[in-house]
Amino acid sequence: MPYNKDPDAIARLNPEQYRVTQQSGTERPGTGEYLGNKEPGIYVDIVSGEPLFASSDKYESGCGWPSFTKPIEPAHINELRDATHGMIRTEVRSTHGDSHLGHVFPDGPRDRGGLRYCINSASLRFVHRDEMEAEGYGEYLNQVEDVS
């Protein structure tokens, strides 16, 4: 499946999704649609559809945004130095869609690699495990487990 920065998908974004993905914005902590989502599935770029994170790598970090220990496909994640807001951070963008996703920090669970991908819900679309095959993401089913 080819992933790209789809002008039609960008045109369908709501103002918050546009601000986050296209203007490197950040949603307010605690407000994201997927913060409390515990359903099994994958999170894909809302613009390009490229697979980014699996539900099995999601955890509650307490930071106010969905947090993941690792990307489902490292090749779909670009990490860039971000020196805005008076601090040095590592910005996370999708490779093909070039959407701003959030930031990665070195304070994640030590037993799972030590990273915390702190991601805006507004940059994601959730694909439930039951829909993954039909939407062309069947090859990732082995990375999705029941989360309770």
C-alpha atoms as a PDB file:
ATOM      1  CA  MET A   1       0.000   0.000   0.000  1.00  0.00           C
ATOM      2  CA  PRO A   2       1.566   3.343  -0.982  1.00  0.00           C
ATOM      3  CA  TYR A   3       1.565   5.988   1.720  1.00  0.00           C
ATOM      4  CA  ASN A   4       1.797   9.643   0.828  1.00  0.00           C
ATOM      5  CA  LYS A   5       0.803  13.118   1.893  1.00  0.00           C
ATOM      6  CA  ASP A   6      -2.738  13.003   0.536  1.00  0.00           C
ATOM      7  CA  PRO A   7      -4.205  16.454  -0.343  1.00  0.00           C
ATOM      8  CA  ASP A   8      -7.731  15.029  -0.054  1.00  0.00           C
ATOM      9  CA  ALA A   9      -7.003  13.713   3.446  1.00  0.00           C
ATOM     10  CA  ILE A  10      -5.545  17.093   4.421  1.00  0.00           C
ATOM     11  CA  ALA A  11      -8.692  18.815   3.105  1.00  0.00           C
ATOM     12  CA  ARG A  12     -10.833  16.555   5.363  1.00  0.00           C
ATOM     13  CA  LEU A  13      -8.922  17.389   8.563  1.00  0.00           C
ATOM     14  CA  ASN A  14     -10.781  19.312  11.229  1.00  0.00           C
ATOM     15  CA  PRO A  15      -9.104  22.549  12.427  1.00  0.00           C
ATOM     16  CA  GLU A  16      -7.389  20.832  15.387  1.00  0.00           C
ATOM     17  CA  GLN A  17      -6.073  17.958  13.241  1.00  0.00           C
ATOM     18  CA  TYR A  18      -4.769  20.466  10.694  1.00  0.00           C
ATOM     19  CA  ARG A  19      -3.107  22.620  13.360  1.00  0.00           C
ATOM     20  CA  VAL A  20      -1.350  19.610  14.901  1.00  0.00           C
ATOM     21  CA  THR A  21      -0.281  17.708  11.760  1.00  0.00           C
ATOM     22  CA  GLN A  22       0.440  20.561   9.340  1.00  0.00           C
ATOM     23  CA  GLN A  23       1.495  23.378  11.708  1.00  0.00           C
ATOM     24  CA  SER A  24       3.310  21.297  14.379  1.00  0.00           C
ATOM     25  CA  GLY A  25       0.727  22.148  17.013  1.00  0.00           C
ATOM     26  CA  THR A  26       0.014  20.299  20.248  1.00  0.00           C
ATOM     27  CA  GLU A  27      -3.401  19.369  21.570  1.00  0.00           C
ATOM     28  CA  ARG A  28      -4.166  20.304  25.167  1.00  0.00           C
ATOM     29  CA  PRO A  29      -3.131  17.561  27.611  1.00  0.00           C
ATOM     30  CA  GLY A  30      -5.946  15.255  28.640  1.00  0.00           C
ATOM     31  CA  THR A  31      -8.155  16.160  25.671  1.00  0.00           C
ATOM     32  CA  GLY A  32      -7.085  13.692  22.975  1.00  0.00           C
ATOM     33  CA  GLU A  33      -9.608  11.257  21.546  1.00  0.00           C
ATOM     34  CA  TYR A  34      -7.310   8.237  21.992  1.00  0.00           C
ATOM     35  CA  LEU A  35      -5.846   9.002  25.421  1.00  0.00           C
ATOM     36  CA  GLY A  36      -8.041   6.435  27.182  1.00  0.00           C
ATOM     37  CA  ASN A  37      -8.477   4.020  24.248  1.00  0.00           C
ATOM     38  CA  LYS A  38      -7.768   0.442  25.318  1.00  0.00           C
ATOM     39  CA  GLU A  39      -9.174  -1.323  22.246  1.00  0.00           C
ATOM     40  CA  PRO A  40      -6.868  -3.627  20.245  1.00  0.00           C
ATOM     41  CA  GLY A  41      -5.688  -2.248  16.916  1.00  0.00           C
ATOM     42  CA  ILE A  42      -3.189   0.076  15.313  1.00  0.00           C
ATOM     43  CA  TYR A  43      -2.797   3.816  15.050  1.00  0.00           C
ATOM     44  CA  VAL A  44      -2.089   5.172  11.574  1.00  0.00           C
ATOM     45  CA  ASP A  45      -1.185   8.627  10.256  1.00  0.00           C
ATOM     46  CA  ILE A  46      -4.444  10.527   9.702  1.00  0.00           C
ATOM     47  CA  VAL A  47      -3.025  12.039   6.485  1.00  0.00           C
ATOM     48  CA  SER A  48      -1.081   9.184   4.829  1.00  0.00           C
ATOM     49  CA  GLY A  49      -2.490   6.055   6.490  1.00  0.00           C
ATOM     50  CA  GLU A  50       0.988   4.725   7.243  1.00  0.00           C
ATOM     51  CA  PRO A  51       1.019   2.418  10.297  1.00  0.00           C
ATOM     52  CA  LEU A  52       2.651   4.124  13.278  1.00  0.00           C
ATOM     53  CA  PHE A  53       1.860   2.475  16.616  1.00  0.00           C
ATOM     54  CA  ALA A  54       0.228  -0.711  17.935  1.00  0.00           C
ATOM     55  CA  SER A  55      -2.190  -0.923  20.855  1.00  0.00           C
ATOM     56  CA  SER A  56       0.131  -3.481  22.472  1.00  0.00           C
ATOM     57  CA  ASP A  57       2.828  -0.773  22.753  1.00  0.00           C
ATOM     58  CA  LYS A  58       0.488   1.832  24.274  1.00  0.00           C
ATOM     59  CA  TYR A  59       0.686   2.550  27.987  1.00  0.00           C
ATOM     60  CA  GLU A  60      -0.577   5.065  30.521  1.00  0.00           C
ATOM     61  CA  SER A  61       2.302   7.447  31.196  1.00  0.00           C
ATOM     62  CA  GLY A  62       0.284  10.116  33.007  1.00  0.00           C
ATOM     63  CA  CYS A  63       1.591  12.847  30.654  1.00  0.00           C
ATOM     64  CA  GLY A  64      -1.834  13.711  29.197  1.00  0.00           C
ATOM     65  CA  TRP A  65      -1.232  12.331  25.697  1.00  0.00           C
ATOM     66  CA  PRO A  66      -1.323   8.800  24.261  1.00  0.00           C
ATOM     67  CA  SER A  67       2.070   7.217  24.952  1.00  0.00           C
ATOM     68  CA  PHE A  68       3.774   4.329  23.180  1.00  0.00           C
ATOM     69  CA  THR A  69       7.025   2.469  23.854  1.00  0.00           C
ATOM     70  CA  LYS A  70       7.977   2.054  20.182  1.00  0.00           C
ATOM     71  CA  PRO A  71       6.722   2.572  16.640  1.00  0.00           C
ATOM     72  CA  ILE A  72       5.145  -0.355  14.789  1.00  0.00           C
ATOM     73  CA  GLU A  73       7.381   0.419  11.759  1.00  0.00           C
ATOM     74  CA  PRO A  74      10.499   2.438  12.634  1.00  0.00           C
ATOM     75  CA  ALA A  75      10.867   3.355   8.941  1.00  0.00           C
ATOM     76  CA  HIS A  76       7.584   5.306   9.180  1.00  0.00           C
ATOM     77  CA  ILE A  77       8.919   7.597  11.932  1.00  0.00           C
ATOM     78  CA  ASN A  78      11.323  10.507  11.478  1.00  0.00           C
ATOM     79  CA  GLU A  79      12.935  11.935  14.602  1.00  0.00           C
ATOM     80  CA  LEU A  80      14.094  15.550  14.339  1.00  0.00           C
ATOM     81  CA  ARG A  81      15.806  17.929  16.760  1.00  0.00           C
ATOM     82  CA  ASP A  82      13.315  20.498  18.055  1.00  0.00           C
ATOM     83  CA  ALA A  83      14.715  23.555  19.837  1.00  0.00           C
ATOM     84  CA  THR A  84      11.438  25.505  20.074  1.00  0.00           C
ATOM     85  CA  HIS A  85       9.867  26.640  23.359  1.00  0.00           C
ATOM     86  CA  GLY A  86      13.267  27.090  25.009  1.00  0.00           C
ATOM     87  CA  MET A  87      14.081  23.383  25.284  1.00  0.00           C
ATOM     88  CA  ILE A  88      15.738  20.670  23.253  1.00  0.00           C
ATOM     89  CA  ARG A  89      13.335  17.886  22.347  1.00  0.00           C
ATOM     90  CA  THR A  90      13.065  15.224  19.687  1.00  0.00           C
ATOM     91  CA  GLU A  91      10.105  15.796  17.385  1.00  0.00           C
ATOM     92  CA  VAL A  92       8.397  12.770  15.838  1.00  0.00           C
ATOM     93  CA  ARG A  93       6.984  13.083  12.292  1.00  0.00           C
ATOM     94  CA  SER A  94       5.563  10.490   9.933  1.00  0.00           C
ATOM     95  CA  THR A  95       7.967   9.622   7.121  1.00  0.00           C
ATOM     96  CA  HIS A  96       5.568   9.620   4.169  1.00  0.00           C
ATOM     97  CA  GLY A  97       2.834  11.996   5.353  1.00  0.00           C
ATOM     98  CA  ASP A  98       5.293  14.381   7.041  1.00  0.00           C
ATOM     99  CA  SER A  99       2.684  14.925   9.753  1.00  0.00           C
ATOM    100  CA  HIS A 100       3.760  16.274  13.128  1.00  0.00           C
ATOM    101  CA  LEU A 101       2.925  13.476  15.587  1.00  0.00           C
ATOM    102  CA  GLY A 102       4.468  14.580  18.877  1.00  0.00           C
ATOM    103  CA  HIS A 103       7.782  14.018  20.663  1.00  0.00           C
ATOM    104  CA  VAL A 104       9.838  11.133  22.019  1.00  0.00           C
ATOM    105  CA  PHE A 105      11.393  11.239  25.493  1.00  0.00           C
ATOM    106  CA  PRO A 106      13.870   8.923  27.263  1.00  0.00           C
ATOM    107  CA  ASP A 107      11.635   8.425  30.327  1.00  0.00           C
ATOM    108  CA  GLY A 108       9.523   5.468  29.207  1.00  0.00           C
ATOM    109  CA  PRO A 109       9.292   2.057  30.884  1.00  0.00           C
ATOM    110  CA  ARG A 110      12.856   0.740  31.320  1.00  0.00           C
ATOM    111  CA  ASP A 111      11.777  -2.874  30.771  1.00  0.00           C
ATOM    112  CA  ARG A 112      10.296  -1.928  27.372  1.00  0.00           C
ATOM    113  CA  GLY A 113      13.195   0.059  25.926  1.00  0.00           C
ATOM    114  CA  GLY A 114      13.006   3.235  27.999  1.00  0.00           C
ATOM    115  CA  LEU A 115      11.299   5.463  25.419  1.00  0.00           C
ATOM    116  CA  ARG A 116       8.022   7.371  25.612  1.00  0.00           C
ATOM    117  CA  TYR A 117       6.516   8.379  22.280  1.00  0.00           C
ATOM    118  CA  CYS A 118       4.157  11.137  23.391  1.00  0.00           C
ATOM    119  CA  ILE A 119       1.715  11.451  20.478  1.00  0.00           C
ATOM    120  CA  ASN A 120      -1.186  13.779  19.679  1.00  0.00           C
ATOM    121  CA  SER A 121      -4.489  11.971  19.093  1.00  0.00           C
ATOM    122  CA  ALA A 122      -5.263  14.594  16.438  1.00  0.00           C
ATOM    123  CA  SER A 123      -2.519  13.171  14.189  1.00  0.00           C
ATOM    124  CA  LEU A 124      -3.793   9.594  14.430  1.00  0.00           C
ATOM    125  CA  ARG A 125      -6.587   7.418  13.120  1.00  0.00           C
ATOM    126  CA  PHE A 126      -7.316   4.231  15.058  1.00  0.00           C
ATOM    127  CA  VAL A 127      -7.986   1.037  13.110  1.00  0.00           C
ATOM    128  CA  HIS A 128      -9.623  -1.611  15.306  1.00  0.00           C
ATOM    129  CA  ARG A 129      -8.195  -5.127  15.081  1.00  0.00           C
ATOM    130  CA  ASP A 130     -11.472  -6.375  13.567  1.00  0.00           C
ATOM    131  CA  GLU A 131     -11.112  -3.881  10.675  1.00  0.00           C
ATOM    132  CA  MET A 132      -7.373  -4.216  10.047  1.00  0.00           C
ATOM    133  CA  GLU A 133      -7.577  -6.955   7.409  1.00  0.00           C
ATOM    134  CA  ALA A 134     -10.311  -5.148   5.449  1.00  0.00           C
ATOM    135  CA  GLU A 135      -8.362  -1.866   5.520  1.00  0.00           C
ATOM    136  CA  GLY A 136      -5.141  -3.467   4.276  1.00  0.00           C
ATOM    137  CA  TYR A 137      -3.262  -3.709   7.572  1.00  0.00           C
ATOM    138  CA  GLY A 138      -3.513  -7.490   8.013  1.00  0.00           C
ATOM    139  CA  GLU A 139       0.266  -7.921   8.081  1.00  0.00           C
ATOM    140  CA  TYR A 140       0.304  -6.082  11.442  1.00  0.00           C
ATOM    141  CA  LEU A 141      -2.240  -8.300  13.205  1.00  0.00           C
ATOM    142  CA  ASN A 142       0.580 -10.226  14.904  1.00  0.00           C
ATOM    143  CA  GLN A 143       1.638  -6.989  16.631  1.00  0.00           C
ATOM    144  CA  VAL A 144      -1.781  -6.383  18.138  1.00  0.00           C
ATOM    145  CA  GLU A 145      -2.862  -8.159  21.286  1.00  0.00           C
ATOM    146  CA  ASP A 146      -5.855  -7.900  23.553  1.00  0.00           C
ATOM    147  CA  VAL A 147      -5.339  -5.017  25.950  1.00  0.00           C
ATOM    148  CA  SER A 148      -7.360  -5.195  29.129  1.00  0.00           C
END
